[in-house]
Amino acid sequence: FFYKNLTEKANPGYEYMKHRGLDPRTIARFGIGFAEDGWHGLMDHLLQKNYPEEMMYEAGLVSRSKGRTFDKFRNRVMFPIFNTRGKVIGFGGRTLGEGGPKYLNSPESSVFSKKNNLYGLNLTRKNINESNCAILVEGYMDLVSLYRHGVTNVAASLGTALTDQQCSLLKRYTENVVLAYDADAAGQKAALRGIELLKKAGISAKVLHISDGKDPDEFITKNGPDAFRSLVSEAVPYAEYRISVIREKYDLSTAEGGIGFLKEIRQLLSEMSPVEADIYIKKIAGDTGISESAIRREVNE
């Protein structure tokens, strides 16, 4: 229903997809569609097919308010969410209007649980397994754009913080993950939390720094797949990323900044093995001008 809305007549959803550089083949591959700006389009369609209203409500396709029932998704580009067996279990809708959340996901149901699924894995799990690496992004369009440009070992975390269950799902296919989250503060915070969970799951995690553009979609559209693959090859390990995030918080040219940096960095270094800590103490000393002996004393306390 949503796919036909997008592809069989003029509509703002198709114009938006075209503007974002998506071709008909990619739209078909991901089953992308459009929910029209009406209150009962999908509901009437399903009623004609003899689906009961209660089932639509349980599936999260309609909402209820003040005794009325109406379509949950309106005036949105629709991304169907598949499980790894290729069954549609939910939807993500990107608004084309003002007001309401930018992205709206299906609510939890008997078939859909955000924390247990990753977007795109039905198409990409073989590529992830063969390359022994998964590139993890935040959004639907990030994944679709990377896939369209030939970067196919990718999955997306359904617009929510990464979960233990998603880490376990990834580990079925690889033990190496590169987090390619947005370059803003929220993306940085999500990456820090994500690498902790991946490490706990026994997965080697690195973080990709997007140097030109705010997200993977924007970067690869502007610079191409080879430039993005170069970024992936330069992704920094867990500890290095955490050190860089801590360092950005302090002005090391001041005494207060140096003290604050040392106090925060010692916790991270104390969690490392002696060999790993030794390597990073030398690196931090070289990068910051703080003496090795001062860093070691701080850690030993």
Protein backbone atom coordinates (compact mmCIF):
# COMPACT_ATOMS: atom_id res chain seq x y z
CA PHE A 1 0.00 0.00 0.00
CA PHE A 2 2.72 2.49 1.01
CA TYR A 3 5.00 1.49 -1.89
CA LYS A 4 2.19 1.96 -4.44
CA ASN A 5 1.42 5.37 -2.94
CA LEU A 6 5.02 6.38 -3.57
CA THR A 7 5.57 4.90 -7.01
CA GLU A 8 2.28 4.95 -8.92
CA LYS A 9 1.26 8.63 -8.79
CA ALA A 10 2.75 12.07 -8.19
CA ASN A 11 3.34 12.73 -4.49
CA PRO A 12 5.66 14.70 -2.19
CA GLY A 13 7.25 11.50 -0.87
CA TYR A 14 8.66 10.58 -4.28
CA GLU A 15 9.90 14.14 -4.83
CA TYR A 16 11.68 13.98 -1.46
CA MET A 17 13.31 10.64 -2.29
CA LYS A 18 14.40 11.95 -5.69
CA HIS A 19 15.87 15.03 -4.01
CA ARG A 20 17.84 12.73 -1.69
CA GLY A 21 19.30 10.96 -4.73
CA LEU A 22 17.39 7.67 -4.51
CA ASP A 23 16.69 5.82 -7.75
CA PRO A 24 13.68 3.49 -8.40
CA ARG A 25 15.84 0.38 -7.94
CA THR A 26 16.94 1.42 -4.44
CA ILE A 27 13.39 2.42 -3.50
CA ALA A 28 12.18 -1.03 -4.60
CA ARG A 29 15.05 -2.83 -2.86
CA PHE A 30 14.14 -1.33 0.51
CA GLY A 31 10.38 -1.24 -0.14
CA ILE A 32 10.24 2.48 0.67
CA GLY A 33 6.76 3.99 0.48
CA PHE A 34 4.60 6.99 1.32
CA ALA A 35 1.76 7.53 3.80
CA GLU A 36 -0.56 10.17 2.36
CA ASP A 37 -1.69 13.19 4.33
CA GLY A 38 -5.10 11.79 5.21
CA TRP A 39 -6.73 10.25 8.26
CA HIS A 40 -8.11 6.94 6.98
CA GLY A 41 -6.28 5.92 3.78
CA LEU A 42 -4.58 2.79 5.14
CA MET A 43 -7.41 2.00 7.52
CA ASP A 44 -10.02 2.00 4.71
CA HIS A 45 -7.71 -0.09 2.51
CA LEU A 46 -7.30 -2.74 5.22
CA LEU A 47 -10.99 -2.75 6.14
CA GLN A 48 -11.78 -3.51 2.48
CA LYS A 49 -9.46 -6.52 2.81
CA ASN A 50 -11.43 -7.65 5.88
CA TYR A 51 -8.73 -6.94 8.47
CA PRO A 52 -10.37 -6.08 11.81
CA GLU A 53 -9.72 -2.65 13.27
CA GLU A 54 -8.45 -4.20 16.50
CA MET A 55 -5.69 -6.03 14.61
CA MET A 56 -4.60 -2.77 12.94
CA TYR A 57 -4.40 -1.18 16.36
CA GLU A 58 -2.37 -4.07 17.82
CA ALA A 59 0.02 -3.85 14.85
CA GLY A 60 0.53 -0.12 15.48
CA LEU A 61 -0.88 0.95 12.11
CA VAL A 62 -3.72 3.04 13.55
CA SER A 63 -4.06 5.24 16.63
CA ARG A 64 -7.02 6.07 18.84
CA SER A 65 -8.03 9.31 20.52
CA LYS A 66 -11.34 10.58 21.96
CA GLY A 67 -13.23 7.62 20.59
CA ARG A 68 -11.83 8.01 17.04
CA THR A 69 -9.53 5.67 15.16
CA PHE A 70 -7.21 6.99 12.44
CA ASP A 71 -4.00 6.20 10.53
CA LYS A 72 -0.90 6.44 12.71
CA PHE A 73 1.38 7.42 9.81
CA ARG A 74 0.37 10.50 7.79
CA ASN A 75 2.38 12.55 5.29
CA ARG A 76 5.50 10.49 5.88
CA VAL A 77 8.05 8.62 3.78
CA MET A 78 7.76 5.04 5.01
CA PHE A 79 10.65 2.65 5.66
CA PRO A 80 9.48 -0.93 6.28
CA ILE A 81 11.48 -2.71 8.97
CA PHE A 82 12.23 -6.36 8.20
CA ASN A 83 13.45 -9.09 10.51
CA THR A 84 16.37 -11.26 9.39
CA ARG A 85 13.91 -13.71 7.77
CA GLY A 86 12.64 -10.97 5.46
CA LYS A 87 9.26 -10.42 7.15
CA VAL A 88 7.94 -6.89 7.67
CA ILE A 89 7.59 -6.36 11.43
CA GLY A 90 7.20 -2.58 11.67
CA PHE A 91 7.69 0.81 10.02
CA GLY A 92 9.69 3.97 10.42
CA GLY A 93 8.12 7.13 8.99
CA ARG A 94 9.97 10.35 8.14
CA THR A 95 7.71 13.40 8.28
CA LEU A 96 7.42 15.73 5.29
CA GLY A 97 5.49 18.37 7.20
CA GLU A 98 5.81 20.61 10.22
CA GLY A 99 5.09 19.47 13.75
CA GLY A 100 5.31 16.03 15.30
CA PRO A 101 8.48 13.98 15.58
CA LYS A 102 10.84 13.94 12.59
CA TYR A 103 10.86 10.12 12.68
CA LEU A 104 8.02 8.00 14.00
CA ASN A 105 8.51 4.26 14.61
CA SER A 106 5.90 1.56 14.99
CA PRO A 107 5.11 0.95 18.66
CA GLU A 108 6.20 -2.25 20.36
CA SER A 109 3.97 -5.18 19.43
CA SER A 110 3.91 -8.96 19.52
CA VAL A 111 6.03 -8.99 16.34
CA PHE A 112 8.07 -5.78 16.69
CA SER A 113 10.63 -4.97 19.37
CA LYS A 114 13.09 -2.17 18.60
CA LYS A 115 15.71 -3.41 21.03
CA ASN A 116 15.87 -6.85 19.35
CA ASN A 117 16.20 -5.76 15.72
CA LEU A 118 18.50 -3.81 13.43
CA TYR A 119 17.35 -2.03 10.28
CA GLY A 120 18.70 -3.41 7.00
CA LEU A 121 20.18 -6.60 8.44
CA ASN A 122 17.86 -8.71 6.27
CA LEU A 123 19.80 -7.39 3.23
CA THR A 124 23.26 -6.88 4.68
CA ARG A 125 24.00 -9.72 7.10
CA LYS A 126 25.76 -11.81 4.41
CA ASN A 127 28.00 -8.86 3.47
CA ILE A 128 28.75 -8.22 7.15
CA ASN A 129 29.69 -11.86 7.65
CA GLU A 130 31.88 -12.00 4.55
CA SER A 131 33.76 -8.79 5.37
CA ASN A 132 33.89 -9.66 9.10
CA CYS A 133 32.93 -6.08 9.91
CA ALA A 134 29.68 -4.18 10.45
CA ILE A 135 29.37 -0.44 9.98
CA LEU A 136 26.69 0.71 12.40
CA VAL A 137 24.76 3.90 11.62
CA GLU A 138 21.90 5.70 13.37
CA GLY A 139 19.33 6.40 10.69
CA TYR A 140 17.37 4.74 7.89
CA MET A 141 18.66 7.17 5.25
CA ASP A 142 22.27 6.69 6.38
CA LEU A 143 21.96 2.96 5.72
CA VAL A 144 20.05 3.32 2.43
CA SER A 145 22.55 5.88 1.15
CA LEU A 146 25.62 3.79 2.06
CA TYR A 147 24.05 0.69 0.51
CA ARG A 148 23.19 2.60 -2.67
CA HIS A 149 26.82 3.67 -2.98
CA GLY A 150 28.08 0.09 -2.64
CA VAL A 151 28.95 0.04 1.10
CA THR A 152 26.81 -2.97 1.96
CA ASN A 153 28.21 -4.27 5.28
CA VAL A 154 26.02 -1.88 7.24
CA ALA A 155 23.17 -1.92 9.79
CA ALA A 156 21.18 0.77 11.61
CA SER A 157 20.02 0.86 15.22
CA LEU A 158 16.41 1.96 14.52
CA GLY A 159 16.90 5.50 15.82
CA THR A 160 17.38 4.36 19.41
CA ALA A 161 20.40 3.89 21.65
CA LEU A 162 22.20 0.62 20.96
CA THR A 163 21.02 -2.26 23.16
CA ASP A 164 22.59 -5.43 24.57
CA GLN A 165 20.23 -7.48 22.39
CA GLN A 166 21.32 -5.66 19.22
CA CYS A 167 24.97 -6.30 20.14
CA SER A 168 24.21 -10.01 20.54
CA LEU A 169 22.46 -9.99 17.15
CA LEU A 170 25.50 -8.38 15.51
CA LYS A 171 27.85 -10.90 17.10
CA ARG A 172 26.18 -13.70 15.12
CA TYR A 173 27.73 -12.21 11.99
CA THR A 174 30.94 -10.42 13.08
CA GLU A 175 33.15 -9.51 16.02
CA ASN A 176 34.20 -6.19 14.51
CA VAL A 177 32.01 -3.08 14.46
CA VAL A 178 32.71 0.46 13.27
CA LEU A 179 30.33 3.04 14.75
CA ALA A 180 29.51 5.70 12.15
CA TYR A 181 27.20 7.96 14.14
CA ASP A 182 26.43 11.63 13.52
CA ALA A 183 29.24 14.11 14.23
CA ASP A 184 27.16 16.19 16.69
CA ALA A 185 27.22 15.98 20.50
CA ALA A 186 24.28 13.54 20.60
CA GLY A 187 26.06 11.24 18.13
CA GLN A 188 29.25 11.41 20.18
CA LYS A 189 27.35 10.50 23.35
CA ALA A 190 25.64 7.59 21.56
CA ALA A 191 28.98 6.36 20.25
CA LEU A 192 30.51 6.36 23.74
CA ARG A 193 27.61 4.35 25.12
CA GLY A 194 27.65 2.05 22.09
CA ILE A 195 31.32 1.13 22.38
CA GLU A 196 30.84 0.23 26.04
CA LEU A 197 28.01 -2.18 25.17
CA LEU A 198 29.88 -3.68 22.20
CA LYS A 199 32.99 -4.22 24.33
CA LYS A 200 30.84 -5.95 26.98
CA ALA A 201 29.47 -8.24 24.24
CA GLY A 202 33.01 -9.23 23.21
CA ILE A 203 32.98 -7.16 20.02
CA SER A 204 35.95 -5.09 18.91
CA ALA A 205 34.58 -1.56 18.41
CA LYS A 206 36.03 1.40 16.56
CA VAL A 207 34.59 4.85 15.95
CA LEU A 208 34.58 6.63 12.61
CA HIS A 209 35.12 10.38 12.66
CA ILE A 210 33.03 12.12 10.00
CA SER A 211 35.22 14.98 8.90
CA ASP A 212 33.02 16.57 6.22
CA GLY A 213 29.28 16.66 6.81
CA LYS A 214 27.14 15.85 9.79
CA ASP A 215 26.22 12.23 9.02
CA PRO A 216 27.27 9.26 6.83
CA ASP A 217 24.53 9.97 4.24
CA GLU A 218 25.72 13.53 3.72
CA PHE A 219 29.39 12.51 3.63
CA ILE A 220 29.09 9.70 1.09
CA THR A 221 26.73 11.71 -1.15
CA LYS A 222 29.23 14.57 -1.21
CA ASN A 223 32.52 12.64 -1.33
CA GLY A 224 31.74 9.18 -2.74
CA PRO A 225 32.24 5.60 -1.49
CA ASP A 226 36.04 5.48 -1.73
CA ALA A 227 36.38 8.49 0.57
CA PHE A 228 33.97 6.86 3.03
CA ARG A 229 35.92 3.58 2.96
CA SER A 230 39.08 5.57 3.74
CA LEU A 231 37.30 7.00 6.79
CA VAL A 232 36.38 3.47 7.88
CA SER A 233 40.01 2.34 7.57
CA GLU A 234 41.03 5.28 9.80
CA ALA A 235 38.41 4.56 12.49
CA VAL A 236 39.93 4.80 15.96
CA PRO A 237 39.82 2.08 18.65
CA TYR A 238 37.63 2.28 21.73
CA ALA A 239 40.26 3.70 24.11
CA GLU A 240 41.62 6.24 21.64
CA TYR A 241 38.14 7.60 20.98
CA ARG A 242 37.37 7.95 24.68
CA ILE A 243 40.67 9.77 25.22
CA SER A 244 39.91 12.20 22.39
CA VAL A 245 36.42 12.92 23.79
CA ILE A 246 37.85 13.60 27.27
CA ARG A 247 40.60 15.81 25.85
CA GLU A 248 38.11 17.98 23.95
CA LYS A 249 36.52 18.95 27.28
CA TYR A 250 39.62 20.62 28.74
CA ASP A 251 41.94 23.48 27.87
CA LEU A 252 45.31 21.86 28.50
CA SER A 253 47.12 25.20 28.31
CA THR A 254 45.74 26.00 31.78
CA ALA A 255 46.58 24.35 35.11
CA GLU A 256 42.89 23.74 35.83
CA GLY A 257 42.42 22.10 32.44
CA GLY A 258 45.42 19.83 32.89
CA ILE A 259 44.29 18.75 36.37
CA GLY A 260 40.73 18.09 35.21
CA PHE A 261 41.96 16.08 32.22
CA LEU A 262 44.30 13.96 34.39
CA LYS A 263 41.61 13.19 36.95
CA GLU A 264 39.20 12.00 34.26
CA ILE A 265 41.76 10.11 32.18
CA ARG A 266 43.07 8.10 35.13
CA GLN A 267 39.77 6.21 35.44
CA LEU A 268 39.98 5.09 31.80
CA LEU A 269 43.66 4.10 32.09
CA SER A 270 43.03 2.16 35.31
CA GLU A 271 40.51 -0.03 33.44
CA MET A 272 43.15 -1.11 30.87
CA SER A 273 45.60 -3.99 31.00
CA PRO A 274 49.14 -2.92 32.06
CA VAL A 275 50.47 -3.23 28.49
CA GLU A 276 47.58 -1.22 26.99
CA ALA A 277 47.83 1.41 29.73
CA ASP A 278 51.59 1.77 29.16
CA ILE A 279 51.06 2.38 25.41
CA TYR A 280 48.39 5.02 26.00
CA ILE A 281 50.27 6.76 28.83
CA LYS A 282 53.20 7.30 26.46
CA LYS A 283 50.84 8.49 23.72
CA ILE A 284 48.96 10.89 26.02
CA ALA A 285 52.26 12.30 27.34
CA GLY A 286 53.50 12.90 23.79
CA ASP A 287 50.23 14.49 22.66
CA THR A 288 49.59 16.71 25.68
CA GLY A 289 53.00 17.60 27.11
CA ILE A 290 52.01 16.15 30.51
CA SER A 291 54.88 14.02 31.83
CA GLU A 292 54.59 10.25 31.85
CA SER A 293 55.52 10.14 35.53
CA ALA A 294 52.67 12.50 36.45
CA ILE A 295 50.15 10.38 34.51
CA ARG A 296 51.47 7.15 36.09
CA ARG A 297 51.27 8.61 39.61
CA GLU A 298 47.68 9.69 38.96
CA VAL A 299 46.73 6.21 37.73
CA ASN A 300 48.52 4.45 40.61
CA GLU A 301 46.51 6.46 43.12
